[in-house]
Amino acid sequence: MNLSCIKCGSNNYKLKKVIIPEKTKNIVGVEMGTYYYKICLDCGFVEVYSEKVLEKNAELVFEY
């Protein structure tokens, strides 16, 4: 996987693991979802990746 920024092409980034409450369609209450924010340290562009999607696609797994 190419981890360079899709906006400026920099390879200088920081990863943040974020847990966000989510309301899902057929479930009563709130479920917690885990996401990874990949923040470019040069231009500030942020990419958001769902942990559920990363688990299904092994090539996208980040070293956190």
PDB file of N, CA and C in Angstrom:
ATOM      1  N   MET A   1       0.836  -1.183   0.000  1.00  0.00           N
ATOM      2  CA  MET A   1       0.000   0.000   0.000  1.00  0.00           C
ATOM      3  C   MET A   1       0.875   1.238   0.000  1.00  0.00           C
ATOM      4  N   ASN A   2       0.497   2.211  -0.790  1.00  0.00           N
ATOM      5  CA  ASN A   2       1.198   3.479  -0.826  1.00  0.00           C
ATOM      6  C   ASN A   2       0.669   4.350   0.310  1.00  0.00           C
ATOM      7  N   LEU A   3       1.512   4.664   1.284  1.00  0.00           N
ATOM      8  CA  LEU A   3       1.067   5.434   2.436  1.00  0.00           C
ATOM      9  C   LEU A   3       1.308   6.929   2.281  1.00  0.00           C
ATOM     10  N   SER A   4       1.699   7.378   1.094  1.00  0.00           N
ATOM     11  CA  SER A   4       1.925   8.809   0.903  1.00  0.00           C
ATOM     12  C   SER A   4       0.582   9.549   0.880  1.00  0.00           C
ATOM     13  N   CYS A   5       0.632  10.822   1.216  1.00  0.00           N
ATOM     14  CA  CYS A   5      -0.557  11.669   1.251  1.00  0.00           C
ATOM     15  C   CYS A   5      -1.154  11.779  -0.152  1.00  0.00           C
ATOM     16  N   ILE A   6      -2.469  11.604  -0.266  1.00  0.00           N
ATOM     17  CA  ILE A   6      -3.100  11.678  -1.579  1.00  0.00           C
ATOM     18  C   ILE A   6      -3.244  13.121  -2.062  1.00  0.00           C
ATOM     19  N   LYS A   7      -3.042  14.085  -1.177  1.00  0.00           N
ATOM     20  CA  LYS A   7      -3.144  15.493  -1.568  1.00  0.00           C
ATOM     21  C   LYS A   7      -1.798  16.075  -2.000  1.00  0.00           C
ATOM     22  N   CYS A   8      -0.741  15.867  -1.170  1.00  0.00           N
ATOM     23  CA  CYS A   8       0.547  16.502  -1.461  1.00  0.00           C
ATOM     24  C   CYS A   8       1.672  15.515  -1.773  1.00  0.00           C
ATOM     25  N   GLY A   9       1.446  14.202  -1.531  1.00  0.00           N
ATOM     26  CA  GLY A   9       2.449  13.191  -1.843  1.00  0.00           C
ATOM     27  C   GLY A   9       3.490  12.961  -0.760  1.00  0.00           C
ATOM     28  N   SER A  10       3.381  13.638   0.373  1.00  0.00           N
ATOM     29  CA  SER A  10       4.345  13.500   1.466  1.00  0.00           C
ATOM     30  C   SER A  10       4.223  12.136   2.139  1.00  0.00           C
ATOM     31  N   ASN A  11       5.340  11.631   2.648  1.00  0.00           N
ATOM     32  CA  ASN A  11       5.351  10.387   3.425  1.00  0.00           C
ATOM     33  C   ASN A  11       5.453  10.668   4.920  1.00  0.00           C
ATOM     34  N   ASN A  12       5.273  11.914   5.303  1.00  0.00           N
ATOM     35  CA  ASN A  12       5.389  12.347   6.689  1.00  0.00           C
ATOM     36  C   ASN A  12       3.979  12.429   7.282  1.00  0.00           C
ATOM     37  N   TYR A  13       3.592  11.440   8.089  1.00  0.00           N
ATOM     38  CA  TYR A  13       2.241  11.404   8.640  1.00  0.00           C
ATOM     39  C   TYR A  13       2.243  10.886  10.067  1.00  0.00           C
ATOM     40  N   LYS A  14       1.113  11.095  10.743  1.00  0.00           N
ATOM     41  CA  LYS A  14       0.917  10.625  12.105  1.00  0.00           C
ATOM     42  C   LYS A  14      -0.403   9.862  12.138  1.00  0.00           C
ATOM     43  N   LEU A  15      -0.468   8.779  12.905  1.00  0.00           N
ATOM     44  CA  LEU A  15      -1.704   7.994  13.040  1.00  0.00           C
ATOM     45  C   LEU A  15      -2.324   8.245  14.407  1.00  0.00           C
ATOM     46  N   LYS A  16      -3.625   8.395  14.415  1.00  0.00           N
ATOM     47  CA  LYS A  16      -4.382   8.524  15.659  1.00  0.00           C
ATOM     48  C   LYS A  16      -5.481   7.477  15.643  1.00  0.00           C
ATOM     49  N   LYS A  17      -5.629   6.751  16.730  1.00  0.00           N
ATOM     50  CA  LYS A  17      -6.712   5.782  16.881  1.00  0.00           C
ATOM     51  C   LYS A  17      -7.838   6.483  17.635  1.00  0.00           C
ATOM     52  N   VAL A  18      -9.051   6.476  17.055  1.00  0.00           N
ATOM     53  CA  VAL A  18     -10.182   7.210  17.610  1.00  0.00           C
ATOM     54  C   VAL A  18     -11.367   6.267  17.777  1.00  0.00           C
ATOM     55  N   ILE A  19     -12.027   6.350  18.909  1.00  0.00           N
ATOM     56  CA  ILE A  19     -13.223   5.553  19.148  1.00  0.00           C
ATOM     57  C   ILE A  19     -14.414   6.512  19.152  1.00  0.00           C
ATOM     58  N   ILE A  20     -15.381   6.242  18.268  1.00  0.00           N
ATOM     59  CA  ILE A  20     -16.513   7.141  18.057  1.00  0.00           C
ATOM     60  C   ILE A  20     -17.820   6.376  18.258  1.00  0.00           C
ATOM     61  N   PRO A  21     -18.764   6.956  19.007  1.00  0.00           N
ATOM     62  CA  PRO A  21     -20.071   6.302  19.145  1.00  0.00           C
ATOM     63  C   PRO A  21     -20.824   6.346  17.816  1.00  0.00           C
ATOM     64  N   GLU A  22     -21.469   5.220  17.480  1.00  0.00           N
ATOM     65  CA  GLU A  22     -22.217   5.115  16.232  1.00  0.00           C
ATOM     66  C   GLU A  22     -23.608   4.578  16.517  1.00  0.00           C
ATOM     67  N   LYS A  23     -24.579   5.098  15.833  1.00  0.00           N
ATOM     68  CA  LYS A  23     -25.927   4.545  15.907  1.00  0.00           C
ATOM     69  C   LYS A  23     -26.117   3.683  14.674  1.00  0.00           C
ATOM     70  N   THR A  24     -26.409   2.414  14.861  1.00  0.00           N
ATOM     71  CA  THR A  24     -26.613   1.516  13.736  1.00  0.00           C
ATOM     72  C   THR A  24     -28.097   1.258  13.525  1.00  0.00           C
ATOM     73  N   LYS A  25     -28.429   0.873  12.326  1.00  0.00           N
ATOM     74  CA  LYS A  25     -29.821   0.812  11.893  1.00  0.00           C
ATOM     75  C   LYS A  25     -30.702  -0.129  12.720  1.00  0.00           C
ATOM     76  N   ASN A  26     -30.357  -1.357  12.881  1.00  0.00           N
ATOM     77  CA  ASN A  26     -31.259  -2.318  13.511  1.00  0.00           C
ATOM     78  C   ASN A  26     -30.889  -2.651  14.954  1.00  0.00           C
ATOM     79  N   ILE A  27     -30.115  -1.793  15.584  1.00  0.00           N
ATOM     80  CA  ILE A  27     -29.690  -2.054  16.958  1.00  0.00           C
ATOM     81  C   ILE A  27     -30.163  -0.908  17.849  1.00  0.00           C
ATOM     82  N   VAL A  28     -30.756  -1.259  18.987  1.00  0.00           N
ATOM     83  CA  VAL A  28     -31.185  -0.247  19.945  1.00  0.00           C
ATOM     84  C   VAL A  28     -29.959   0.210  20.726  1.00  0.00           C
ATOM     85  N   GLY A  29     -29.785   1.494  20.857  1.00  0.00           N
ATOM     86  CA  GLY A  29     -28.658   2.024  21.605  1.00  0.00           C
ATOM     87  C   GLY A  29     -27.531   2.454  20.687  1.00  0.00           C
ATOM     88  N   VAL A  30     -26.357   2.588  21.277  1.00  0.00           N
ATOM     89  CA  VAL A  30     -25.192   3.092  20.560  1.00  0.00           C
ATOM     90  C   VAL A  30     -24.072   2.061  20.614  1.00  0.00           C
ATOM     91  N   GLU A  31     -23.405   1.894  19.502  1.00  0.00           N
ATOM     92  CA  GLU A  31     -22.271   0.979  19.382  1.00  0.00           C
ATOM     93  C   GLU A  31     -21.007   1.837  19.197  1.00  0.00           C
ATOM     94  N   MET A  32     -19.882   1.361  19.693  1.00  0.00           N
ATOM     95  CA  MET A  32     -18.632   2.115  19.554  1.00  0.00           C
ATOM     96  C   MET A  32     -17.868   1.610  18.331  1.00  0.00           C
ATOM     97  N   GLY A  33     -17.425   2.531  17.491  1.00  0.00           N
ATOM     98  CA  GLY A  33     -16.665   2.182  16.296  1.00  0.00           C
ATOM     99  C   GLY A  33     -15.243   2.704  16.404  1.00  0.00           C
ATOM    100  N   THR A  34     -14.273   1.923  15.963  1.00  0.00           N
ATOM    101  CA  THR A  34     -12.874   2.330  16.012  1.00  0.00           C
ATOM    102  C   THR A  34     -12.413   2.737  14.624  1.00  0.00           C
ATOM    103  N   TYR A  35     -11.748   3.878  14.559  1.00  0.00           N
ATOM    104  CA  TYR A  35     -11.252   4.436  13.305  1.00  0.00           C
ATOM    105  C   TYR A  35      -9.799   4.860  13.476  1.00  0.00           C
ATOM    106  N   TYR A  36      -9.087   4.905  12.362  1.00  0.00           N
ATOM    107  CA  TYR A  36      -7.731   5.428  12.350  1.00  0.00           C
ATOM    108  C   TYR A  36      -7.707   6.693  11.516  1.00  0.00           C
ATOM    109  N   TYR A  37      -7.167   7.768  12.065  1.00  0.00           N
ATOM    110  CA  TYR A  37      -6.969   9.014  11.333  1.00  0.00           C
ATOM    111  C   TYR A  37      -5.507   9.051  10.903  1.00  0.00           C
ATOM    112  N   LYS A  38      -5.260   9.188   9.613  1.00  0.00           N
ATOM    113  CA  LYS A  38      -3.902   9.353   9.090  1.00  0.00           C
ATOM    114  C   LYS A  38      -3.758  10.830   8.725  1.00  0.00           C
ATOM    115  N   ILE A  39      -2.949  11.541   9.495  1.00  0.00           N
ATOM    116  CA  ILE A  39      -2.829  12.986   9.362  1.00  0.00           C
ATOM    117  C   ILE A  39      -1.490  13.328   8.711  1.00  0.00           C
ATOM    118  N   CYS A  40      -1.535  14.016   7.580  1.00  0.00           N
ATOM    119  CA  CYS A  40      -0.315  14.458   6.907  1.00  0.00           C
ATOM    120  C   CYS A  40       0.289  15.604   7.719  1.00  0.00           C
ATOM    121  N   LEU A  41       1.548  15.467   8.100  1.00  0.00           N
ATOM    122  CA  LEU A  41       2.205  16.492   8.903  1.00  0.00           C
ATOM    123  C   LEU A  41       2.703  17.663   8.062  1.00  0.00           C
ATOM    124  N   ASP A  42       2.621  17.556   6.741  1.00  0.00           N
ATOM    125  CA  ASP A  42       3.054  18.662   5.880  1.00  0.00           C
ATOM    126  C   ASP A  42       1.892  19.553   5.454  1.00  0.00           C
ATOM    127  N   CYS A  43       0.758  18.973   5.039  1.00  0.00           N
ATOM    128  CA  CYS A  43      -0.356  19.803   4.556  1.00  0.00           C
ATOM    129  C   CYS A  43      -1.595  19.727   5.452  1.00  0.00           C
ATOM    130  N   GLY A  44      -1.636  18.778   6.405  1.00  0.00           N
ATOM    131  CA  GLY A  44      -2.759  18.675   7.322  1.00  0.00           C
ATOM    132  C   GLY A  44      -3.937  17.867   6.814  1.00  0.00           C
ATOM    133  N   PHE A  45      -3.836  17.306   5.618  1.00  0.00           N
ATOM    134  CA  PHE A  45      -4.921  16.493   5.064  1.00  0.00           C
ATOM    135  C   PHE A  45      -5.127  15.259   5.940  1.00  0.00           C
ATOM    136  N   VAL A  46      -6.393  14.890   6.182  1.00  0.00           N
ATOM    137  CA  VAL A  46      -6.711  13.750   7.048  1.00  0.00           C
ATOM    138  C   VAL A  46      -7.465  12.690   6.254  1.00  0.00           C
ATOM    139  N   GLU A  47      -6.988  11.451   6.358  1.00  0.00           N
ATOM    140  CA  GLU A  47      -7.688  10.300   5.785  1.00  0.00           C
ATOM    141  C   GLU A  47      -8.244   9.497   6.957  1.00  0.00           C
ATOM    142  N   VAL A  48      -9.464   8.968   6.803  1.00  0.00           N
ATOM    143  CA  VAL A  48     -10.106   8.206   7.873  1.00  0.00           C
ATOM    144  C   VAL A  48     -10.326   6.782   7.385  1.00  0.00           C
ATOM    145  N   TYR A  49      -9.888   5.820   8.210  1.00  0.00           N
ATOM    146  CA  TYR A  49     -10.027   4.404   7.881  1.00  0.00           C
ATOM    147  C   TYR A  49     -10.771   3.699   9.008  1.00  0.00           C
ATOM    148  N   SER A  50     -11.771   2.903   8.667  1.00  0.00           N
ATOM    149  CA  SER A  50     -12.517   2.114   9.639  1.00  0.00           C
ATOM    150  C   SER A  50     -11.716   0.869   9.997  1.00  0.00           C
ATOM    151  N   GLU A  51     -11.662   0.551  11.284  1.00  0.00           N
ATOM    152  CA  GLU A  51     -10.954  -0.648  11.719  1.00  0.00           C
ATOM    153  C   GLU A  51     -11.606  -1.907  11.144  1.00  0.00           C
ATOM    154  N   LYS A  52     -12.938  -1.898  10.982  1.00  0.00           N
ATOM    155  CA  LYS A  52     -13.646  -3.054  10.421  1.00  0.00           C
ATOM    156  C   LYS A  52     -13.186  -3.330   8.992  1.00  0.00           C
ATOM    157  N   VAL A  53     -12.973  -2.283   8.217  1.00  0.00           N
ATOM    158  CA  VAL A  53     -12.514  -2.445   6.841  1.00  0.00           C
ATOM    159  C   VAL A  53     -11.055  -2.899   6.820  1.00  0.00           C
ATOM    160  N   LEU A  54     -10.239  -2.347   7.711  1.00  0.00           N
ATOM    161  CA  LEU A  54      -8.825  -2.732   7.768  1.00  0.00           C
ATOM    162  C   LEU A  54      -8.664  -4.207   8.125  1.00  0.00           C
ATOM    163  N   GLU A  55      -9.530  -4.714   8.995  1.00  0.00           N
ATOM    164  CA  GLU A  55      -9.458  -6.133   9.359  1.00  0.00           C
ATOM    165  C   GLU A  55      -9.741  -7.038   8.167  1.00  0.00           C
ATOM    166  N   LYS A  56     -10.618  -6.600   7.262  1.00  0.00           N
ATOM    167  CA  LYS A  56     -10.964  -7.391   6.080  1.00  0.00           C
ATOM    168  C   LYS A  56      -9.898  -7.305   4.995  1.00  0.00           C
ATOM    169  N   ASN A  57      -9.155  -6.211   4.950  1.00  0.00           N
ATOM    170  CA  ASN A  57      -8.177  -5.976   3.898  1.00  0.00           C
ATOM    171  C   ASN A  57      -6.782  -5.854   4.522  1.00  0.00           C
ATOM    172  N   ALA A  58      -6.068  -6.958   4.609  1.00  0.00           N
ATOM    173  CA  ALA A  58      -4.794  -7.030   5.325  1.00  0.00           C
ATOM    174  C   ALA A  58      -3.729  -6.076   4.782  1.00  0.00           C
ATOM    175  N   GLU A  59      -3.761  -5.722   3.500  1.00  0.00           N
ATOM    176  CA  GLU A  59      -2.724  -4.846   2.958  1.00  0.00           C
ATOM    177  C   GLU A  59      -2.855  -3.405   3.454  1.00  0.00           C
ATOM    178  N   LEU A  60      -3.999  -3.038   4.038  1.00  0.00           N
ATOM    179  CA  LEU A  60      -4.198  -1.687   4.526  1.00  0.00           C
ATOM    180  C   LEU A  60      -3.846  -1.512   5.995  1.00  0.00           C
ATOM    181  N   VAL A  61      -3.424  -2.556   6.670  1.00  0.00           N
ATOM    182  CA  VAL A  61      -3.161  -2.481   8.103  1.00  0.00           C
ATOM    183  C   VAL A  61      -1.971  -1.568   8.378  1.00  0.00           C
ATOM    184  N   PHE A  62      -2.175  -0.649   9.310  1.00  0.00           N
ATOM    185  CA  PHE A  62      -1.128   0.304   9.690  1.00  0.00           C
ATOM    186  C   PHE A  62      -0.309  -0.255  10.847  1.00  0.00           C
ATOM    187  N   GLU A  63       0.936   0.154  10.915  1.00  0.00           N
ATOM    188  CA  GLU A  63       1.755  -0.110  12.106  1.00  0.00           C
ATOM    189  C   GLU A  63       1.457   1.013  13.077  1.00  0.00           C
ATOM    190  N   TYR A  64       0.713   0.692  14.146  1.00  0.00           N
ATOM    191  CA  TYR A  64       0.318   1.743  15.072  1.00  0.00           C
ATOM    192  C   TYR A  64       1.130   1.643  16.325  1.00  0.00           C
TER     193      TYR A  64
END
